[in-house]
Every structure is written in structure tokens, then in C-alpha cells.
PDB file of all heavy atoms in Angstrom:
ATOM      1  N   PRO A   1     -13.680  -1.549  11.747  1.00  0.00           N
ATOM      2  CA  PRO A   1     -14.350  -0.770  10.789  1.00  0.00           C
ATOM      3  C   PRO A   1     -14.442   0.596  11.125  1.00  0.00           C
ATOM      4  O   PRO A   1     -14.431   1.522  10.173  1.00  0.00           O
ATOM      5  CB  PRO A   1     -15.744  -1.452  10.974  1.00  0.00           C
ATOM      6  CG  PRO A   1     -15.546  -2.811  11.544  1.00  0.00           C
ATOM      7  CD  PRO A   1     -14.375  -2.683  12.383  1.00  0.00           C
ATOM      8  N   GLY A   2     -14.404   1.064  12.352  1.00  0.00           N
ATOM      9  CA  GLY A   2     -14.682   2.352  12.756  1.00  0.00           C
ATOM     10  C   GLY A   2     -13.515   3.379  12.758  1.00  0.00           C
ATOM     11  O   GLY A   2     -13.732   4.581  12.999  1.00  0.00           O
ATOM     12  N   TRP A   3     -12.271   2.900  12.556  1.00  0.00           N
ATOM     13  CA  TRP A   3     -11.149   3.745  12.588  1.00  0.00           C
ATOM     14  C   TRP A   3     -10.028   3.241  11.834  1.00  0.00           C
ATOM     15  O   TRP A   3     -10.023   2.073  11.520  1.00  0.00           O
ATOM     16  CB  TRP A   3     -10.802   4.205  14.010  1.00  0.00           C
ATOM     17  CG  TRP A   3     -10.408   3.098  14.822  1.00  0.00           C
ATOM     18  CD1 TRP A   3      -9.101   2.519  14.911  1.00  0.00           C
ATOM     19  CD2 TRP A   3     -11.155   2.353  15.816  1.00  0.00           C
ATOM     20  NE1 TRP A   3      -9.057   1.425  15.820  1.00  0.00           N
ATOM     21  CE2 TRP A   3     -10.299   1.466  16.476  1.00  0.00           C
ATOM     22  CE3 TRP A   3     -12.506   2.491  16.251  1.00  0.00           C
ATOM     23  CZ2 TRP A   3     -10.735   0.473  17.426  1.00  0.00           C
ATOM     24  CZ3 TRP A   3     -12.897   1.631  17.245  1.00  0.00           C
ATOM     25  CH2 TRP A   3     -12.120   0.716  17.794  1.00  0.00           C
ATOM     26  N   ASN A   4      -8.948   4.052  11.571  1.00  0.00           N
ATOM     27  CA  ASN A   4      -7.760   3.632  10.935  1.00  0.00           C
ATOM     28  C   ASN A   4      -6.760   3.237  11.881  1.00  0.00           C
ATOM     29  O   ASN A   4      -6.576   3.806  13.001  1.00  0.00           O
ATOM     30  CB  ASN A   4      -7.242   4.710   9.951  1.00  0.00           C
ATOM     31  CG  ASN A   4      -8.219   5.146   8.824  1.00  0.00           C
ATOM     32  OD1 ASN A   4      -8.876   4.227   8.295  1.00  0.00           O
ATOM     33  ND2 ASN A   4      -8.387   6.395   8.615  1.00  0.00           N
ATOM     34  N   ASP A   5      -5.930   2.212  11.587  1.00  0.00           N
ATOM     35  CA  ASP A   5      -4.888   1.670  12.448  1.00  0.00           C
ATOM     36  C   ASP A   5      -3.490   2.054  11.993  1.00  0.00           C
ATOM     37  O   ASP A   5      -2.775   2.658  12.809  1.00  0.00           O
ATOM     38  CB  ASP A   5      -4.972   0.130  12.400  1.00  0.00           C
ATOM     39  CG  ASP A   5      -6.233  -0.271  13.313  1.00  0.00           C
ATOM     40  OD1 ASP A   5      -6.350   0.076  14.394  1.00  0.00           O
ATOM     41  OD2 ASP A   5      -7.027  -1.078  12.655  1.00  0.00           O
ATOM     42  N   TYR A   6      -3.053   1.723  10.808  1.00  0.00           N
ATOM     43  CA  TYR A   6      -1.646   1.857  10.425  1.00  0.00           C
ATOM     44  C   TYR A   6      -1.606   2.617   9.119  1.00  0.00           C
ATOM     45  O   TYR A   6      -2.552   2.481   8.174  1.00  0.00           O
ATOM     46  CB  TYR A   6      -0.958   0.521  10.265  1.00  0.00           C
ATOM     47  CG  TYR A   6      -1.073  -0.324  11.500  1.00  0.00           C
ATOM     48  CD1 TYR A   6      -2.007  -1.331  11.618  1.00  0.00           C
ATOM     49  CD2 TYR A   6      -0.228   0.010  12.555  1.00  0.00           C
ATOM     50  CE1 TYR A   6      -2.051  -2.057  12.780  1.00  0.00           C
ATOM     51  CE2 TYR A   6      -0.252  -0.776  13.745  1.00  0.00           C
ATOM     52  CZ  TYR A   6      -1.313  -1.818  13.820  1.00  0.00           C
ATOM     53  OH  TYR A   6      -1.318  -2.504  14.954  1.00  0.00           O
ATOM     54  N   THR A   7      -0.595   3.496   8.922  1.00  0.00           N
ATOM     55  CA  THR A   7      -0.352   4.185   7.710  1.00  0.00           C
ATOM     56  C   THR A   7       0.952   3.814   7.046  1.00  0.00           C
ATOM     57  O   THR A   7       1.915   3.630   7.763  1.00  0.00           O
ATOM     58  CB  THR A   7      -0.426   5.707   7.987  1.00  0.00           C
ATOM     59  OG1 THR A   7      -1.641   6.147   8.610  1.00  0.00           O
ATOM     60  CG2 THR A   7      -0.173   6.570   6.657  1.00  0.00           C
ATOM     61  N   GLN A   8       0.975   3.688   5.730  1.00  0.00           N
ATOM     62  CA  GLN A   8       2.251   3.303   5.161  1.00  0.00           C
ATOM     63  C   GLN A   8       2.200   3.915   3.663  1.00  0.00           C
ATOM     64  O   GLN A   8       1.117   4.198   3.071  1.00  0.00           O
ATOM     65  CB  GLN A   8       2.459   1.879   4.989  1.00  0.00           C
ATOM     66  CG  GLN A   8       1.423   0.980   4.254  1.00  0.00           C
ATOM     67  CD  GLN A   8       1.857  -0.442   4.181  1.00  0.00           C
ATOM     68  OE1 GLN A   8       2.225  -1.049   5.243  1.00  0.00           O
ATOM     69  NE2 GLN A   8       1.767  -1.131   3.177  1.00  0.00           N
ATOM     70  N   PRO A   9       3.385   3.984   3.003  1.00  0.00           N
ATOM     71  CA  PRO A   9       3.398   4.526   1.648  1.00  0.00           C
ATOM     72  C   PRO A   9       2.894   3.497   0.652  1.00  0.00           C
ATOM     73  O   PRO A   9       2.979   2.245   0.948  1.00  0.00           O
ATOM     74  CB  PRO A   9       4.849   4.907   1.364  1.00  0.00           C
ATOM     75  CG  PRO A   9       5.584   3.957   2.384  1.00  0.00           C
ATOM     76  CD  PRO A   9       4.724   3.830   3.538  1.00  0.00           C
ATOM     77  N   TRP A  10       2.492   3.976  -0.505  1.00  0.00           N
ATOM     78  CA  TRP A  10       2.205   2.996  -1.572  1.00  0.00           C
ATOM     79  C   TRP A  10       2.521   3.711  -2.951  1.00  0.00           C
ATOM     80  O   TRP A  10       2.636   4.866  -3.026  1.00  0.00           O
ATOM     81  CB  TRP A  10       0.660   2.640  -1.583  1.00  0.00           C
ATOM     82  CG  TRP A  10      -0.264   3.763  -1.974  1.00  0.00           C
ATOM     83  CD1 TRP A  10      -0.671   4.757  -1.089  1.00  0.00           C
ATOM     84  CD2 TRP A  10      -0.811   4.013  -3.166  1.00  0.00           C
ATOM     85  NE1 TRP A  10      -1.511   5.585  -1.898  1.00  0.00           N
ATOM     86  CE2 TRP A  10      -1.680   5.116  -3.097  1.00  0.00           C
ATOM     87  CE3 TRP A  10      -0.717   3.355  -4.470  1.00  0.00           C
ATOM     88  CZ2 TRP A  10      -2.360   5.657  -4.204  1.00  0.00           C
ATOM     89  CZ3 TRP A  10      -1.343   3.855  -5.575  1.00  0.00           C
ATOM     90  CH2 TRP A  10      -2.245   5.017  -5.503  1.00  0.00           C
ATOM     91  N   SER A  11       2.668   2.887  -3.945  1.00  0.00           N
ATOM     92  CA  SER A  11       3.009   3.448  -5.295  1.00  0.00           C
ATOM     93  C   SER A  11       2.492   2.398  -6.367  1.00  0.00           C
ATOM     94  O   SER A  11       2.401   1.238  -6.075  1.00  0.00           O
ATOM     95  CB  SER A  11       4.431   3.631  -5.616  1.00  0.00           C
ATOM     96  OG  SER A  11       5.219   2.689  -5.407  1.00  0.00           O
ATOM     97  N   LYS A  12       2.161   2.834  -7.508  1.00  0.00           N
ATOM     98  CA  LYS A  12       1.624   2.025  -8.563  1.00  0.00           C
ATOM     99  C   LYS A  12       2.468   2.319  -9.844  1.00  0.00           C
ATOM    100  O   LYS A  12       2.574   3.501 -10.217  1.00  0.00           O
ATOM    101  CB  LYS A  12       0.163   2.229  -8.748  1.00  0.00           C
ATOM    102  CG  LYS A  12      -0.576   1.409  -9.718  1.00  0.00           C
ATOM    103  CD  LYS A  12      -2.011   1.793  -9.848  1.00  0.00           C
ATOM    104  CE  LYS A  12      -2.750   0.921 -10.917  1.00  0.00           C
ATOM    105  NZ  LYS A  12      -2.289   1.260 -12.261  1.00  0.00           N
ATOM    106  N   SER A  13       2.811   1.262 -10.520  1.00  0.00           N
ATOM    107  CA  SER A  13       3.450   1.391 -11.859  1.00  0.00           C
ATOM    108  C   SER A  13       2.851   0.357 -12.749  1.00  0.00           C
ATOM    109  O   SER A  13       3.150  -0.890 -12.487  1.00  0.00           O
ATOM    110  CB  SER A  13       4.964   1.287 -11.743  1.00  0.00           C
ATOM    111  OG  SER A  13       5.610   1.357 -12.940  1.00  0.00           O
ATOM    112  N   GLY A  14       2.081   0.731 -13.674  1.00  0.00           N
ATOM    113  CA  GLY A  14       1.322  -0.324 -14.569  1.00  0.00           C
ATOM    114  C   GLY A  14       0.434  -1.154 -13.648  1.00  0.00           C
ATOM    115  O   GLY A  14      -0.362  -0.674 -12.887  1.00  0.00           O
ATOM    116  N   ASN A  15       0.689  -2.414 -13.626  1.00  0.00           N
ATOM    117  CA  ASN A  15      -0.028  -3.313 -12.817  1.00  0.00           C
ATOM    118  C   ASN A  15       0.710  -3.838 -11.554  1.00  0.00           C
ATOM    119  O   ASN A  15       0.347  -4.695 -10.931  1.00  0.00           O
ATOM    120  CB  ASN A  15      -0.400  -4.626 -13.639  1.00  0.00           C
ATOM    121  CG  ASN A  15      -1.510  -4.356 -14.544  1.00  0.00           C
ATOM    122  OD1 ASN A  15      -2.448  -3.492 -14.312  1.00  0.00           O
ATOM    123  ND2 ASN A  15      -1.526  -5.067 -15.751  1.00  0.00           N
ATOM    124  N   ASP A  16       1.804  -3.135 -11.358  1.00  0.00           N
ATOM    125  CA  ASP A  16       2.603  -3.403 -10.016  1.00  0.00           C
ATOM    126  C   ASP A  16       2.157  -2.411  -8.971  1.00  0.00           C
ATOM    127  O   ASP A  16       2.145  -1.233  -9.157  1.00  0.00           O
ATOM    128  CB  ASP A  16       4.072  -3.137 -10.318  1.00  0.00           C
ATOM    129  CG  ASP A  16       4.614  -4.344 -11.096  1.00  0.00           C
ATOM    130  OD1 ASP A  16       4.055  -5.427 -11.265  1.00  0.00           O
ATOM    131  OD2 ASP A  16       5.802  -4.114 -11.771  1.00  0.00           O
ATOM    132  N   LEU A  17       1.769  -2.981  -7.807  1.00  0.00           N
ATOM    133  CA  LEU A  17       1.318  -2.098  -6.681  1.00  0.00           C
ATOM    134  C   LEU A  17       2.230  -2.418  -5.476  1.00  0.00           C
ATOM    135  O   LEU A  17       2.246  -3.524  -4.990  1.00  0.00           O
ATOM    136  CB  LEU A  17      -0.105  -2.532  -6.355  1.00  0.00           C
ATOM    137  CG  LEU A  17      -0.688  -1.827  -5.086  1.00  0.00           C
ATOM    138  CD1 LEU A  17      -0.853  -0.283  -5.379  1.00  0.00           C
ATOM    139  CD2 LEU A  17      -2.126  -2.378  -4.796  1.00  0.00           C
ATOM    140  N   THR A  18       2.996  -1.365  -5.140  1.00  0.00           N
ATOM    141  CA  THR A  18       3.958  -1.567  -4.055  1.00  0.00           C
ATOM    142  C   THR A  18       3.337  -1.066  -2.814  1.00  0.00           C
ATOM    143  O   THR A  18       2.915   0.046  -2.677  1.00  0.00           O
ATOM    144  CB  THR A  18       5.267  -0.810  -4.378  1.00  0.00           C
ATOM    145  OG1 THR A  18       5.830  -1.381  -5.503  1.00  0.00           O
ATOM    146  CG2 THR A  18       6.225  -1.018  -3.172  1.00  0.00           C
ATOM    147  N   LEU A  19       3.241  -1.904  -1.786  1.00  0.00           N
ATOM    148  CA  LEU A  19       2.661  -1.522  -0.429  1.00  0.00           C
ATOM    149  C   LEU A  19       3.812  -1.738   0.549  1.00  0.00           C
ATOM    150  O   LEU A  19       4.223  -2.872   0.839  1.00  0.00           O
ATOM    151  CB  LEU A  19       1.425  -2.433  -0.063  1.00  0.00           C
ATOM    152  CG  LEU A  19       0.408  -2.449  -1.117  1.00  0.00           C
ATOM    153  CD1 LEU A  19      -0.710  -3.436  -0.695  1.00  0.00           C
ATOM    154  CD2 LEU A  19      -0.200  -1.180  -1.374  1.00  0.00           C
ATOM    155  N   GLY A  20       4.342  -0.677   1.063  1.00  0.00           N
ATOM    156  CA  GLY A  20       5.517  -0.916   1.972  1.00  0.00           C
ATOM    157  C   GLY A  20       6.733  -1.400   1.210  1.00  0.00           C
ATOM    158  O   GLY A  20       7.119  -0.781   0.345  1.00  0.00           O
ATOM    159  N   PHE A  21       7.236  -2.671   1.602  1.00  0.00           N
ATOM    160  CA  PHE A  21       8.294  -3.271   0.969  1.00  0.00           C
ATOM    161  C   PHE A  21       8.000  -4.334  -0.026  1.00  0.00           C
ATOM    162  O   PHE A  21       8.754  -4.884  -0.675  1.00  0.00           O
ATOM    163  CB  PHE A  21       9.293  -3.740   2.022  1.00  0.00           C
ATOM    164  CG  PHE A  21       9.839  -2.776   3.036  1.00  0.00           C
ATOM    165  CD1 PHE A  21       9.475  -2.780   4.258  1.00  0.00           C
ATOM    166  CD2 PHE A  21      10.894  -1.879   2.559  1.00  0.00           C
ATOM    167  CE1 PHE A  21       9.881  -1.771   5.174  1.00  0.00           C
ATOM    168  CE2 PHE A  21      11.331  -0.912   3.408  1.00  0.00           C
ATOM    169  CZ  PHE A  21      10.873  -0.901   4.783  1.00  0.00           C
ATOM    170  N   ASP A  22       6.700  -4.646  -0.188  1.00  0.00           N
ATOM    171  CA  ASP A  22       6.166  -5.590  -1.070  1.00  0.00           C
ATOM    172  C   ASP A  22       5.579  -5.133  -2.233  1.00  0.00           C
ATOM    173  O   ASP A  22       4.832  -4.144  -2.213  1.00  0.00           O
ATOM    174  CB  ASP A  22       5.218  -6.616  -0.293  1.00  0.00           C
ATOM    175  CG  ASP A  22       5.958  -7.399   0.865  1.00  0.00           C
ATOM    176  OD1 ASP A  22       7.096  -7.789   0.608  1.00  0.00           O
ATOM    177  OD2 ASP A  22       5.316  -7.465   1.904  1.00  0.00           O
ATOM    178  N   THR A  23       5.777  -5.876  -3.453  1.00  0.00           N
ATOM    179  CA  THR A  23       5.155  -5.298  -4.789  1.00  0.00           C
ATOM    180  C   THR A  23       4.140  -6.511  -5.226  1.00  0.00           C
ATOM    181  O   THR A  23       4.604  -7.634  -5.443  1.00  0.00           O
ATOM    182  CB  THR A  23       6.117  -5.062  -5.762  1.00  0.00           C
ATOM    183  OG1 THR A  23       7.024  -4.029  -5.328  1.00  0.00           O
ATOM    184  CG2 THR A  23       5.534  -4.610  -7.093  1.00  0.00           C
ATOM    185  N   TYR A  24       2.940  -6.185  -5.282  1.00  0.00           N
ATOM    186  CA  TYR A  24       1.923  -7.055  -5.688  1.00  0.00           C
ATOM    187  C   TYR A  24       1.555  -6.842  -7.144  1.00  0.00           C
ATOM    188  O   TYR A  24       1.747  -5.713  -7.647  1.00  0.00           O
ATOM    189  CB  TYR A  24       0.614  -6.935  -4.837  1.00  0.00           C
ATOM    190  CG  TYR A  24       0.823  -7.295  -3.352  1.00  0.00           C
ATOM    191  CD1 TYR A  24       1.415  -6.359  -2.543  1.00  0.00           C
ATOM    192  CD2 TYR A  24       0.240  -8.453  -2.904  1.00  0.00           C
ATOM    193  CE1 TYR A  24       1.504  -6.658  -1.161  1.00  0.00           C
ATOM    194  CE2 TYR A  24       0.411  -8.815  -1.498  1.00  0.00           C
ATOM    195  CZ  TYR A  24       1.082  -7.944  -0.671  1.00  0.00           C
ATOM    196  OH  TYR A  24       1.136  -8.309   0.651  1.00  0.00           O
TER     197      TYR A  24
END
């Protein structure tokens, strides 16, 4: 809760949310 661990890129296109190499 008290700090951040990992950073990665993200992008959004419509209802597609890409986190790293996966698109949700």
C-alpha cells in the first residue's frame, strides 16, 4: 500500500487497454 513497485507503459484504444504486452 505504501509505495510503488513496478512501472510499465500502457495505452488505451476504445475499450482495449494494453498493459505491457497484454491487451485487456
